[in-house]
């Protein structure tokens, strides 16, 4: 049982390292809008995979909707402030752009 926990911890730290490597400009400033979007996307992917196996976990589903809303608000802000960075983040993360926003490809 302890070996499984250690493996999970190693995997999550590797994911955080890979997320840090993907950040635009190498900025690890967690207040930076792009950093927040990257970390929220990582959390969204984790919750999505959890909900695939636990479809009746409604509290996690609610948390997922809250994270999606927060990421959407950050993307709206970023598209208004810096369209080039917005387009680059969409491309790097492989997520859809917002309807009617610049930088959609």
PDB file of N, CA and C in Angstrom:
ATOM      1  N   UNK A   1       0.819  -1.197   0.000  1.00  0.00           N
ATOM      2  CA  UNK A   1       0.000   0.000   0.000  1.00  0.00           C
ATOM      3  C   UNK A   1       0.860   1.258   0.000  1.00  0.00           C
ATOM      4  N   UNK A   2       1.940   1.272   0.752  1.00  0.00           N
ATOM      5  CA  UNK A   2       2.798   2.453   0.792  1.00  0.00           C
ATOM      6  C   UNK A   2       3.501   2.676  -0.535  1.00  0.00           C
ATOM      7  N   UNK A   3       3.815   1.596  -1.253  1.00  0.00           N
ATOM      8  CA  UNK A   3       4.475   1.748  -2.543  1.00  0.00           C
ATOM      9  C   UNK A   3       3.578   2.457  -3.543  1.00  0.00           C
ATOM     10  N   UNK A   4       2.281   2.174  -3.494  1.00  0.00           N
ATOM     11  CA  UNK A   4       1.340   2.821  -4.399  1.00  0.00           C
ATOM     12  C   UNK A   4       1.293   4.316  -4.119  1.00  0.00           C
ATOM     13  N   UNK A   5       1.284   4.701  -2.856  1.00  0.00           N
ATOM     14  CA  UNK A   5       1.248   6.110  -2.485  1.00  0.00           C
ATOM     15  C   UNK A   5       2.509   6.813  -2.968  1.00  0.00           C
ATOM     16  N   UNK A   6       3.648   6.196  -2.823  1.00  0.00           N
ATOM     17  CA  UNK A   6       4.907   6.791  -3.262  1.00  0.00           C
ATOM     18  C   UNK A   6       4.899   6.991  -4.767  1.00  0.00           C
ATOM     19  N   UNK A   7       4.386   6.025  -5.506  1.00  0.00           N
ATOM     20  CA  UNK A   7       4.322   6.132  -6.956  1.00  0.00           C
ATOM     21  C   UNK A   7       3.413   7.289  -7.356  1.00  0.00           C
ATOM     22  N   UNK A   8       2.290   7.439  -6.699  1.00  0.00           N
ATOM     23  CA  UNK A   8       1.372   8.526  -7.015  1.00  0.00           C
ATOM     24  C   UNK A   8       2.026   9.873  -6.748  1.00  0.00           C
ATOM     25  N   UNK A   9       2.749   9.983  -5.667  1.00  0.00           N
ATOM     26  CA  UNK A   9       3.427  11.240  -5.348  1.00  0.00           C
ATOM     27  C   UNK A   9       4.475  11.552  -6.408  1.00  0.00           C
ATOM     28  N   UNK A  10       5.206  10.564  -6.845  1.00  0.00           N
ATOM     29  CA  UNK A  10       6.222  10.777  -7.869  1.00  0.00           C
ATOM     30  C   UNK A  10       5.577  11.219  -9.173  1.00  0.00           C
ATOM     31  N   UNK A  11       4.474  10.612  -9.535  1.00  0.00           N
ATOM     32  CA  UNK A  11       3.789  10.978 -10.770  1.00  0.00           C
ATOM     33  C   UNK A  11       3.290  12.415 -10.697  1.00  0.00           C
ATOM     34  N   UNK A  12       2.698  12.813  -9.568  1.00  0.00           N
ATOM     35  CA  UNK A  12       2.189  14.177  -9.479  1.00  0.00           C
ATOM     36  C   UNK A  12       3.316  15.199  -9.494  1.00  0.00           C
ATOM     37  N   UNK A  13       4.446  14.896  -8.854  1.00  0.00           N
ATOM     38  CA  UNK A  13       5.548  15.857  -8.906  1.00  0.00           C
ATOM     39  C   UNK A  13       6.118  15.934 -10.319  1.00  0.00           C
ATOM     40  N   UNK A  14       6.148  14.816 -11.044  1.00  0.00           N
ATOM     41  CA  UNK A  14       6.604  14.848 -12.430  1.00  0.00           C
ATOM     42  C   UNK A  14       5.664  15.691 -13.292  1.00  0.00           C
ATOM     43  N   UNK A  15       4.353  15.582 -13.035  1.00  0.00           N
ATOM     44  CA  UNK A  15       3.401  16.378 -13.800  1.00  0.00           C
ATOM     45  C   UNK A  15       3.595  17.857 -13.520  1.00  0.00           C
ATOM     46  N   UNK A  16       3.834  18.208 -12.238  1.00  0.00           N
ATOM     47  CA  UNK A  16       4.053  19.611 -11.918  1.00  0.00           C
ATOM     48  C   UNK A  16       5.328  20.121 -12.574  1.00  0.00           C
ATOM     49  N   UNK A  17       6.363  19.284 -12.639  1.00  0.00           N
ATOM     50  CA  UNK A  17       7.591  19.698 -13.315  1.00  0.00           C
ATOM     51  C   UNK A  17       7.335  19.901 -14.797  1.00  0.00           C
ATOM     52  N   UNK A  18       6.543  19.023 -15.398  1.00  0.00           N
ATOM     53  CA  UNK A  18       6.272  19.181 -16.817  1.00  0.00           C
ATOM     54  C   UNK A  18       5.399  20.408 -17.068  1.00  0.00           C
ATOM     55  N   UNK A  19       4.491  20.712 -16.152  1.00  0.00           N
ATOM     56  CA  UNK A  19       3.671  21.917 -16.292  1.00  0.00           C
ATOM     57  C   UNK A  19       4.550  23.149 -16.172  1.00  0.00           C
ATOM     58  N   UNK A  20       5.476  23.146 -15.208  1.00  0.00           N
ATOM     59  CA  UNK A  20       6.386  24.276 -15.055  1.00  0.00           C
ATOM     60  C   UNK A  20       7.241  24.464 -16.297  1.00  0.00           C
ATOM     61  N   UNK A  21       7.629  23.368 -16.926  1.00  0.00           N
ATOM     62  CA  UNK A  21       8.445  23.465 -18.137  1.00  0.00           C
ATOM     63  C   UNK A  21       7.642  24.030 -19.306  1.00  0.00           C
ATOM     64  N   UNK A  22       6.332  23.789 -19.315  1.00  0.00           N
ATOM     65  CA  UNK A  22       5.488  24.252 -20.406  1.00  0.00           C
ATOM     66  C   UNK A  22       5.107  25.721 -20.279  1.00  0.00           C
ATOM     67  N   UNK A  23       5.267  26.287 -19.088  1.00  0.00           N
ATOM     68  CA  UNK A  23       4.819  27.651 -18.874  1.00  0.00           C
ATOM     69  C   UNK A  23       5.478  28.612 -19.841  1.00  0.00           C
ATOM     70  N   UNK A  24       4.706  29.562 -20.258  1.00  0.00           N
ATOM     71  CA  UNK A  24       5.179  30.535 -21.235  1.00  0.00           C
ATOM     72  C   UNK A  24       6.254  31.405 -20.600  1.00  0.00           C
ATOM     73  N   UNK A  25       7.423  31.432 -21.206  1.00  0.00           N
ATOM     74  CA  UNK A  25       8.508  32.253 -20.713  1.00  0.00           C
ATOM     75  C   UNK A  25       9.178  31.696 -19.471  1.00  0.00           C
ATOM     76  N   UNK A  26       8.837  30.487 -19.047  1.00  0.00           N
ATOM     77  CA  UNK A  26       9.448  29.884 -17.875  1.00  0.00           C
ATOM     78  C   UNK A  26       9.054  30.565 -16.579  1.00  0.00           C
ATOM     79  N   UNK A  27       7.987  31.348 -16.586  1.00  0.00           N
ATOM     80  CA  UNK A  27       7.566  32.062 -15.387  1.00  0.00           C
ATOM     81  C   UNK A  27       6.901  31.107 -14.424  1.00  0.00           C
ATOM     82  N   UNK A  28       7.444  31.010 -13.212  1.00  0.00           N
ATOM     83  CA  UNK A  28       6.842  30.160 -12.184  1.00  0.00           C
ATOM     84  C   UNK A  28       6.066  31.001 -11.189  1.00  0.00           C
ATOM     85  N   UNK A  29       5.819  32.259 -11.534  1.00  0.00           N
ATOM     86  CA  UNK A  29       5.034  33.157 -10.706  1.00  0.00           C
ATOM     87  C   UNK A  29       3.589  32.675 -10.735  1.00  0.00           C
ATOM     88  N   UNK A  30       3.071  32.209  -9.602  1.00  0.00           N
ATOM     89  CA  UNK A  30       1.734  31.633  -9.572  1.00  0.00           C
ATOM     90  C   UNK A  30       0.650  32.687  -9.722  1.00  0.00           C
ATOM     91  N   UNK A  31       0.993  33.957  -9.603  1.00  0.00           N
ATOM     92  CA  UNK A  31       0.015  35.015  -9.805  1.00  0.00           C
ATOM     93  C   UNK A  31      -0.135  35.400 -11.261  1.00  0.00           C
ATOM     94  N   UNK A  32       0.798  34.978 -12.093  1.00  0.00           N
ATOM     95  CA  UNK A  32       0.756  35.255 -13.519  1.00  0.00           C
ATOM     96  C   UNK A  32      -0.451  34.543 -14.127  1.00  0.00           C
ATOM     97  N   UNK A  33      -1.201  35.236 -14.945  1.00  0.00           N
ATOM     98  CA  UNK A  33      -2.445  34.688 -15.495  1.00  0.00           C
ATOM     99  C   UNK A  33      -2.212  33.390 -16.244  1.00  0.00           C
ATOM    100  N   UNK A  34      -1.150  33.331 -17.036  1.00  0.00           N
ATOM    101  CA  UNK A  34      -0.861  32.117 -17.803  1.00  0.00           C
ATOM    102  C   UNK A  34      -0.571  30.949 -16.863  1.00  0.00           C
ATOM    103  N   UNK A  35       0.137  31.194 -15.772  1.00  0.00           N
ATOM    104  CA  UNK A  35       0.437  30.132 -14.804  1.00  0.00           C
ATOM    105  C   UNK A  35      -0.844  29.603 -14.182  1.00  0.00           C
ATOM    106  N   UNK A  36      -1.741  30.505 -13.830  1.00  0.00           N
ATOM    107  CA  UNK A  36      -3.008  30.083 -13.236  1.00  0.00           C
ATOM    108  C   UNK A  36      -3.798  29.227 -14.210  1.00  0.00           C
ATOM    109  N   UNK A  37      -3.801  29.595 -15.477  1.00  0.00           N
ATOM    110  CA  UNK A  37      -4.534  28.821 -16.481  1.00  0.00           C
ATOM    111  C   UNK A  37      -3.918  27.435 -16.633  1.00  0.00           C
ATOM    112  N   UNK A  38      -2.587  27.348 -16.634  1.00  0.00           N
ATOM    113  CA  UNK A  38      -1.924  26.052 -16.750  1.00  0.00           C
ATOM    114  C   UNK A  38      -2.258  25.159 -15.558  1.00  0.00           C
ATOM    115  N   UNK A  39      -2.179  25.693 -14.345  1.00  0.00           N
ATOM    116  CA  UNK A  39      -2.457  24.882 -13.173  1.00  0.00           C
ATOM    117  C   UNK A  39      -3.930  24.490 -13.092  1.00  0.00           C
ATOM    118  N   UNK A  40      -4.828  25.393 -13.458  1.00  0.00           N
ATOM    119  CA  UNK A  40      -6.247  25.046 -13.478  1.00  0.00           C
ATOM    120  C   UNK A  40      -6.522  23.951 -14.501  1.00  0.00           C
ATOM    121  N   UNK A  41      -5.871  24.012 -15.656  1.00  0.00           N
ATOM    122  CA  UNK A  41      -6.056  22.982 -16.673  1.00  0.00           C
ATOM    123  C   UNK A  41      -5.589  21.629 -16.152  1.00  0.00           C
ATOM    124  N   UNK A  42      -4.473  21.628 -15.419  1.00  0.00           N
ATOM    125  CA  UNK A  42      -3.980  20.386 -14.832  1.00  0.00           C
ATOM    126  C   UNK A  42      -4.997  19.825 -13.836  1.00  0.00           C
ATOM    127  N   UNK A  43      -5.569  20.682 -12.991  1.00  0.00           N
ATOM    128  CA  UNK A  43      -6.562  20.221 -12.028  1.00  0.00           C
ATOM    129  C   UNK A  43      -7.821  19.732 -12.738  1.00  0.00           C
ATOM    130  N   UNK A  44      -8.217  20.408 -13.801  1.00  0.00           N
ATOM    131  CA  UNK A  44      -9.400  20.004 -14.564  1.00  0.00           C
ATOM    132  C   UNK A  44      -9.194  18.623 -15.175  1.00  0.00           C
ATOM    133  N   UNK A  45      -8.007  18.373 -15.714  1.00  0.00           N
ATOM    134  CA  UNK A  45      -7.722  17.054 -16.290  1.00  0.00           C
ATOM    135  C   UNK A  45      -7.756  15.961 -15.232  1.00  0.00           C
ATOM    136  N   UNK A  46      -7.214  16.264 -14.040  1.00  0.00           N
ATOM    137  CA  UNK A  46      -7.248  15.278 -12.953  1.00  0.00           C
ATOM    138  C   UNK A  46      -8.678  14.970 -12.537  1.00  0.00           C
ATOM    139  N   UNK A  47      -9.513  16.003 -12.373  1.00  0.00           N
ATOM    140  CA  UNK A  47     -10.894  15.783 -11.974  1.00  0.00           C
ATOM    141  C   UNK A  47     -11.686  15.069 -13.056  1.00  0.00           C
ATOM    142  N   UNK A  48     -11.408  15.369 -14.305  1.00  0.00           N
ATOM    143  CA  UNK A  48     -12.107  14.712 -15.406  1.00  0.00           C
ATOM    144  C   UNK A  48     -11.815  13.216 -15.418  1.00  0.00           C
ATOM    145  N   UNK A  49     -10.547  12.852 -15.217  1.00  0.00           N
ATOM    146  CA  UNK A  49     -10.217  11.427 -15.190  1.00  0.00           C
ATOM    147  C   UNK A  49     -10.826  10.750 -13.966  1.00  0.00           C
ATOM    148  N   UNK A  50     -10.913  11.467 -12.851  1.00  0.00           N
ATOM    149  CA  UNK A  50     -11.547  10.906 -11.654  1.00  0.00           C
ATOM    150  C   UNK A  50     -13.032  10.660 -11.906  1.00  0.00           C
ATOM    151  N   UNK A  51     -13.690  11.611 -12.572  1.00  0.00           N
ATOM    152  CA  UNK A  51     -15.125  11.485 -12.801  1.00  0.00           C
ATOM    153  C   UNK A  51     -15.462  10.427 -13.847  1.00  0.00           C
ATOM    154  N   UNK A  52     -14.502  10.051 -14.685  1.00  0.00           N
ATOM    155  CA  UNK A  52     -14.754   8.973 -15.635  1.00  0.00           C
ATOM    156  C   UNK A  52     -14.969   7.651 -14.923  1.00  0.00           C
ATOM    157  N   UNK A  53     -14.253   7.446 -13.813  1.00  0.00           N
ATOM    158  CA  UNK A  53     -14.416   6.199 -13.072  1.00  0.00           C
ATOM    159  C   UNK A  53     -15.422   6.320 -11.931  1.00  0.00           C
ATOM    160  N   UNK A  54     -15.703   7.537 -11.474  1.00  0.00           N
ATOM    161  CA  UNK A  54     -16.657   7.756 -10.378  1.00  0.00           C
ATOM    162  C   UNK A  54     -17.729   8.730 -10.860  1.00  0.00           C
ATOM    163  N   UNK A  55     -18.626   8.236 -11.679  1.00  0.00           N
ATOM    164  CA  UNK A  55     -19.581   9.109 -12.357  1.00  0.00           C
ATOM    165  C   UNK A  55     -20.618   9.719 -11.421  1.00  0.00           C
ATOM    166  N   UNK A  56     -20.815   9.160 -10.229  1.00  0.00           N
ATOM    167  CA  UNK A  56     -21.834   9.682  -9.319  1.00  0.00           C
ATOM    168  C   UNK A  56     -21.256  10.570  -8.226  1.00  0.00           C
ATOM    169  N   UNK A  57     -20.028  10.986  -8.374  1.00  0.00           N
ATOM    170  CA  UNK A  57     -19.388  11.862  -7.398  1.00  0.00           C
ATOM    171  C   UNK A  57     -19.773  13.309  -7.720  1.00  0.00           C
ATOM    172  N   UNK A  58     -20.922  13.729  -7.190  1.00  0.00           N
ATOM    173  CA  UNK A  58     -21.482  15.021  -7.561  1.00  0.00           C
ATOM    174  C   UNK A  58     -20.729  16.188  -6.938  1.00  0.00           C
ATOM    175  N   UNK A  59     -20.103  15.999  -5.793  1.00  0.00           N
ATOM    176  CA  UNK A  59     -19.344  17.102  -5.203  1.00  0.00           C
ATOM    177  C   UNK A  59     -18.086  17.388  -6.027  1.00  0.00           C
ATOM    178  N   UNK A  60     -17.462  16.351  -6.556  1.00  0.00           N
ATOM    179  CA  UNK A  60     -16.312  16.572  -7.439  1.00  0.00           C
ATOM    180  C   UNK A  60     -16.752  17.203  -8.752  1.00  0.00           C
ATOM    181  N   UNK A  61     -17.932  16.830  -9.215  1.00  0.00           N
ATOM    182  CA  UNK A  61     -18.466  17.416 -10.440  1.00  0.00           C
ATOM    183  C   UNK A  61     -18.697  18.919 -10.246  1.00  0.00           C
ATOM    184  N   UNK A  62     -19.194  19.287  -9.058  1.00  0.00           N
ATOM    185  CA  UNK A  62     -19.412  20.700  -8.761  1.00  0.00           C
ATOM    186  C   UNK A  62     -18.073  21.442  -8.729  1.00  0.00           C
ATOM    187  N   UNK A  63     -17.062  20.823  -8.143  1.00  0.00           N
ATOM    188  CA  UNK A  63     -15.737  21.421  -8.114  1.00  0.00           C
ATOM    189  C   UNK A  63     -15.175  21.601  -9.511  1.00  0.00           C
ATOM    190  N   UNK A  64     -15.435  20.626 -10.378  1.00  0.00           N
ATOM    191  CA  UNK A  64     -14.981  20.722 -11.763  1.00  0.00           C
ATOM    192  C   UNK A  64     -15.631  21.913 -12.464  1.00  0.00           C
ATOM    193  N   UNK A  65     -16.929  22.108 -12.248  1.00  0.00           N
ATOM    194  CA  UNK A  65     -17.624  23.230 -12.869  1.00  0.00           C
ATOM    195  C   UNK A  65     -17.092  24.565 -12.359  1.00  0.00           C
ATOM    196  N   UNK A  66     -16.745  24.619 -11.069  1.00  0.00           N
ATOM    197  CA  UNK A  66     -16.176  25.842 -10.525  1.00  0.00           C
ATOM    198  C   UNK A  66     -14.814  26.135 -11.140  1.00  0.00           C
ATOM    199  N   UNK A  67     -13.988  25.098 -11.309  1.00  0.00           N
ATOM    200  CA  UNK A  67     -12.674  25.288 -11.927  1.00  0.00           C
ATOM    201  C   UNK A  67     -12.812  25.724 -13.383  1.00  0.00           C
ATOM    202  N   UNK A  68     -13.762  25.133 -14.098  1.00  0.00           N
ATOM    203  CA  UNK A  68     -13.982  25.519 -15.487  1.00  0.00           C
ATOM    204  C   UNK A  68     -14.411  26.979 -15.602  1.00  0.00           C
ATOM    205  N   UNK A  69     -15.254  27.411 -14.680  1.00  0.00           N
ATOM    206  CA  UNK A  69     -15.684  28.807 -14.677  1.00  0.00           C
ATOM    207  C   UNK A  69     -14.539  29.755 -14.380  1.00  0.00           C
ATOM    208  N   UNK A  70     -13.681  29.385 -13.431  1.00  0.00           N
ATOM    209  CA  UNK A  70     -12.539  30.225 -13.095  1.00  0.00           C
ATOM    210  C   UNK A  70     -11.573  30.325 -14.275  1.00  0.00           C
ATOM    211  N   UNK A  71     -11.321  29.173 -14.937  1.00  0.00           N
ATOM    212  CA  UNK A  71     -10.424  29.194 -16.095  1.00  0.00           C
ATOM    213  C   UNK A  71     -11.019  30.025 -17.225  1.00  0.00           C
ATOM    214  N   UNK A  72     -12.333  29.937 -17.415  1.00  0.00           N
ATOM    215  CA  UNK A  72     -12.982  30.717 -18.463  1.00  0.00           C
ATOM    216  C   UNK A  72     -12.843  32.214 -18.193  1.00  0.00           C
ATOM    217  N   UNK A  73     -13.026  32.628 -16.943  1.00  0.00           N
ATOM    218  CA  UNK A  73     -12.870  34.040 -16.607  1.00  0.00           C
ATOM    219  C   UNK A  73     -11.438  34.515 -16.846  1.00  0.00           C
ATOM    220  N   UNK A  74     -10.469  33.668 -16.490  1.00  0.00           N
ATOM    221  CA  UNK A  74      -9.070  34.032 -16.733  1.00  0.00           C
ATOM    222  C   UNK A  74      -8.762  34.116 -18.225  1.00  0.00           C
ATOM    223  N   UNK A  75      -9.332  33.213 -19.015  1.00  0.00           N
ATOM    224  CA  UNK A  75      -9.121  33.259 -20.459  1.00  0.00           C
ATOM    225  C   UNK A  75      -9.752  34.510 -21.072  1.00  0.00           C
ATOM    226  N   UNK A  76     -10.916  34.916 -20.574  1.00  0.00           N
ATOM    227  CA  UNK A  76     -11.548  36.138 -21.061  1.00  0.00           C
ATOM    228  C   UNK A  76     -10.663  37.337 -20.758  1.00  0.00           C
ATOM    229  N   UNK A  77     -10.142  37.386 -19.534  1.00  0.00           N
ATOM    230  CA  UNK A  77      -9.254  38.480 -19.143  1.00  0.00           C
ATOM    231  C   UNK A  77      -8.000  38.498 -20.016  1.00  0.00           C
ATOM    232  N   UNK A  78      -7.404  37.329 -20.209  1.00  0.00           N
ATOM    233  CA  UNK A  78      -6.167  37.253 -20.981  1.00  0.00           C
ATOM    234  C   UNK A  78      -6.390  37.621 -22.440  1.00  0.00           C
ATOM    235  N   UNK A  79      -7.525  37.221 -23.006  1.00  0.00           N
ATOM    236  CA  UNK A  79      -7.783  37.552 -24.406  1.00  0.00           C
ATOM    237  C   UNK A  79      -7.938  39.056 -24.599  1.00  0.00           C
ATOM    238  N   UNK A  80      -8.443  39.737 -23.590  1.00  0.00           N
ATOM    239  CA  UNK A  80      -8.592  41.186 -23.678  1.00  0.00           C
ATOM    240  C   UNK A  80      -7.261  41.903 -23.471  1.00  0.00           C
ATOM    241  N   UNK A  81      -6.401  41.351 -22.626  1.00  0.00           N
ATOM    242  CA  UNK A  81      -5.143  42.004 -22.289  1.00  0.00           C
ATOM    243  C   UNK A  81      -4.009  41.684 -23.267  1.00  0.00           C
ATOM    244  N   UNK A  82      -3.905  40.412 -23.665  1.00  0.00           N
ATOM    245  CA  UNK A  82      -2.761  39.999 -24.484  1.00  0.00           C
ATOM    246  C   UNK A  82      -3.215  38.882 -25.424  1.00  0.00           C
ATOM    247  N   UNK A  83      -3.631  39.242 -26.611  1.00  0.00           N
ATOM    248  CA  UNK A  83      -4.184  38.270 -27.558  1.00  0.00           C
ATOM    249  C   UNK A  83      -3.137  37.260 -28.030  1.00  0.00           C
ATOM    250  N   UNK A  84      -1.889  37.695 -28.145  1.00  0.00           N
ATOM    251  CA  UNK A  84      -0.841  36.779 -28.608  1.00  0.00           C
ATOM    252  C   UNK A  84      -0.579  35.689 -27.576  1.00  0.00           C
ATOM    253  N   UNK A  85      -0.499  36.060 -26.310  1.00  0.00           N
ATOM    254  CA  UNK A  85      -0.291  35.084 -25.244  1.00  0.00           C
ATOM    255  C   UNK A  85      -1.491  34.157 -25.121  1.00  0.00           C
ATOM    256  N   UNK A  86      -2.694  34.715 -25.308  1.00  0.00           N
ATOM    257  CA  UNK A  86      -3.918  33.929 -25.285  1.00  0.00           C
ATOM    258  C   UNK A  86      -3.876  32.835 -26.359  1.00  0.00           C
ATOM    259  N   UNK A  87      -3.490  33.202 -27.564  1.00  0.00           N
ATOM    260  CA  UNK A  87      -3.416  32.231 -28.661  1.00  0.00           C
ATOM    261  C   UNK A  87      -2.350  31.182 -28.391  1.00  0.00           C
ATOM    262  N   UNK A  88      -1.230  31.606 -27.815  1.00  0.00           N
ATOM    263  CA  UNK A  88      -0.140  30.666 -27.518  1.00  0.00           C
ATOM    264  C   UNK A  88      -0.559  29.663 -26.446  1.00  0.00           C
ATOM    265  N   UNK A  89      -1.281  30.110 -25.443  1.00  0.00           N
ATOM    266  CA  UNK A  89      -1.744  29.212 -24.377  1.00  0.00           C
ATOM    267  C   UNK A  89      -2.740  28.202 -24.929  1.00  0.00           C
ATOM    268  N   UNK A  90      -3.665  28.673 -25.771  1.00  0.00           N
ATOM    269  CA  UNK A  90      -4.631  27.746 -26.372  1.00  0.00           C
ATOM    270  C   UNK A  90      -3.922  26.670 -27.181  1.00  0.00           C
ATOM    271  N   UNK A  91      -2.898  27.070 -27.906  1.00  0.00           N
ATOM    272  CA  UNK A  91      -2.158  26.120 -28.733  1.00  0.00           C
ATOM    273  C   UNK A  91      -1.384  25.127 -27.868  1.00  0.00           C
ATOM    274  N   UNK A  92      -0.702  25.619 -26.827  1.00  0.00           N
ATOM    275  CA  UNK A  92       0.108  24.752 -25.973  1.00  0.00           C
ATOM    276  C   UNK A  92      -0.738  23.764 -25.181  1.00  0.00           C
ATOM    277  N   UNK A  93      -1.879  24.220 -24.682  1.00  0.00           N
ATOM    278  CA  UNK A  93      -2.715  23.349 -23.861  1.00  0.00           C
ATOM    279  C   UNK A  93      -3.653  22.478 -24.684  1.00  0.00           C
ATOM    280  N   UNK A  94      -3.901  22.868 -25.913  1.00  0.00           N
ATOM    281  CA  UNK A  94      -4.811  22.092 -26.754  1.00  0.00           C
ATOM    282  C   UNK A  94      -6.255  22.223 -26.324  1.00  0.00           C
ATOM    283  N   UNK A  95      -6.628  23.407 -25.829  1.00  0.00           N
ATOM    284  CA  UNK A  95      -8.016  23.629 -25.423  1.00  0.00           C
ATOM    285  C   UNK A  95      -8.685  24.533 -26.437  1.00  0.00           C
ATOM    286  N   UNK A  96     -10.015  24.494 -26.442  1.00  0.00           N
ATOM    287  CA  UNK A  96     -10.777  25.328 -27.365  1.00  0.00           C
ATOM    288  C   UNK A  96     -10.725  26.772 -26.913  1.00  0.00           C
ATOM    289  N   UNK A  97     -10.817  27.655 -27.871  1.00  0.00           N
ATOM    290  CA  UNK A  97     -10.882  29.074 -27.559  1.00  0.00           C
ATOM    291  C   UNK A  97     -12.303  29.456 -27.204  1.00  0.00           C
ATOM    292  N   UNK A  98     -12.428  30.652 -26.690  1.00  0.00           N
ATOM    293  CA  UNK A  98     -13.749  31.174 -26.341  1.00  0.00           C
ATOM    294  C   UNK A  98     -14.415  31.728 -27.587  1.00  0.00           C
ATOM    295  N   UNK A  99     -15.705  31.620 -27.669  1.00  0.00           N
ATOM    296  CA  UNK A  99     -16.438  32.100 -28.830  1.00  0.00           C
ATOM    297  C   UNK A  99     -16.314  33.615 -28.934  1.00  0.00           C
ATOM    298  N   UNK A 100     -16.016  34.089 -30.135  1.00  0.00           N
ATOM    299  CA  UNK A 100     -15.966  35.519 -30.381  1.00  0.00           C
ATOM    300  C   UNK A 100     -14.705  36.194 -29.868  1.00  0.00           C
ATOM    301  N   UNK A 101     -13.678  35.440 -29.516  1.00  0.00           N
ATOM    302  CA  UNK A 101     -12.437  36.042 -29.007  1.00  0.00           C
ATOM    303  C   UNK A 101     -11.373  35.980 -30.083  1.00  0.00           C
ATOM    304  N   UNK A 102     -10.450  36.933 -30.021  1.00  0.00           N
ATOM    305  CA  UNK A 102      -9.341  36.947 -30.973  1.00  0.00           C
ATOM    306  C   UNK A 102      -8.369  35.842 -30.616  1.00  0.00           C
ATOM    307  N   UNK A 103      -7.581  35.458 -31.575  1.00  0.00           N
ATOM    308  CA  UNK A 103      -6.559  34.455 -31.342  1.00  0.00           C
ATOM    309  C   UNK A 103      -7.047  33.038 -31.541  1.00  0.00           C
ATOM    310  N   UNK A 104      -8.278  32.891 -31.990  1.00  0.00           N
ATOM    311  CA  UNK A 104      -8.776  31.543 -32.251  1.00  0.00           C
ATOM    312  C   UNK A 104      -8.125  31.015 -33.505  1.00  0.00           C
ATOM    313  N   UNK A 105      -7.740  29.751 -33.436  1.00  0.00           N
ATOM    314  CA  UNK A 105      -7.126  29.174 -34.630  1.00  0.00           C
ATOM    315  C   UNK A 105      -7.900  27.990 -35.121  1.00  0.00           C
TER     316      UNK A 105
END
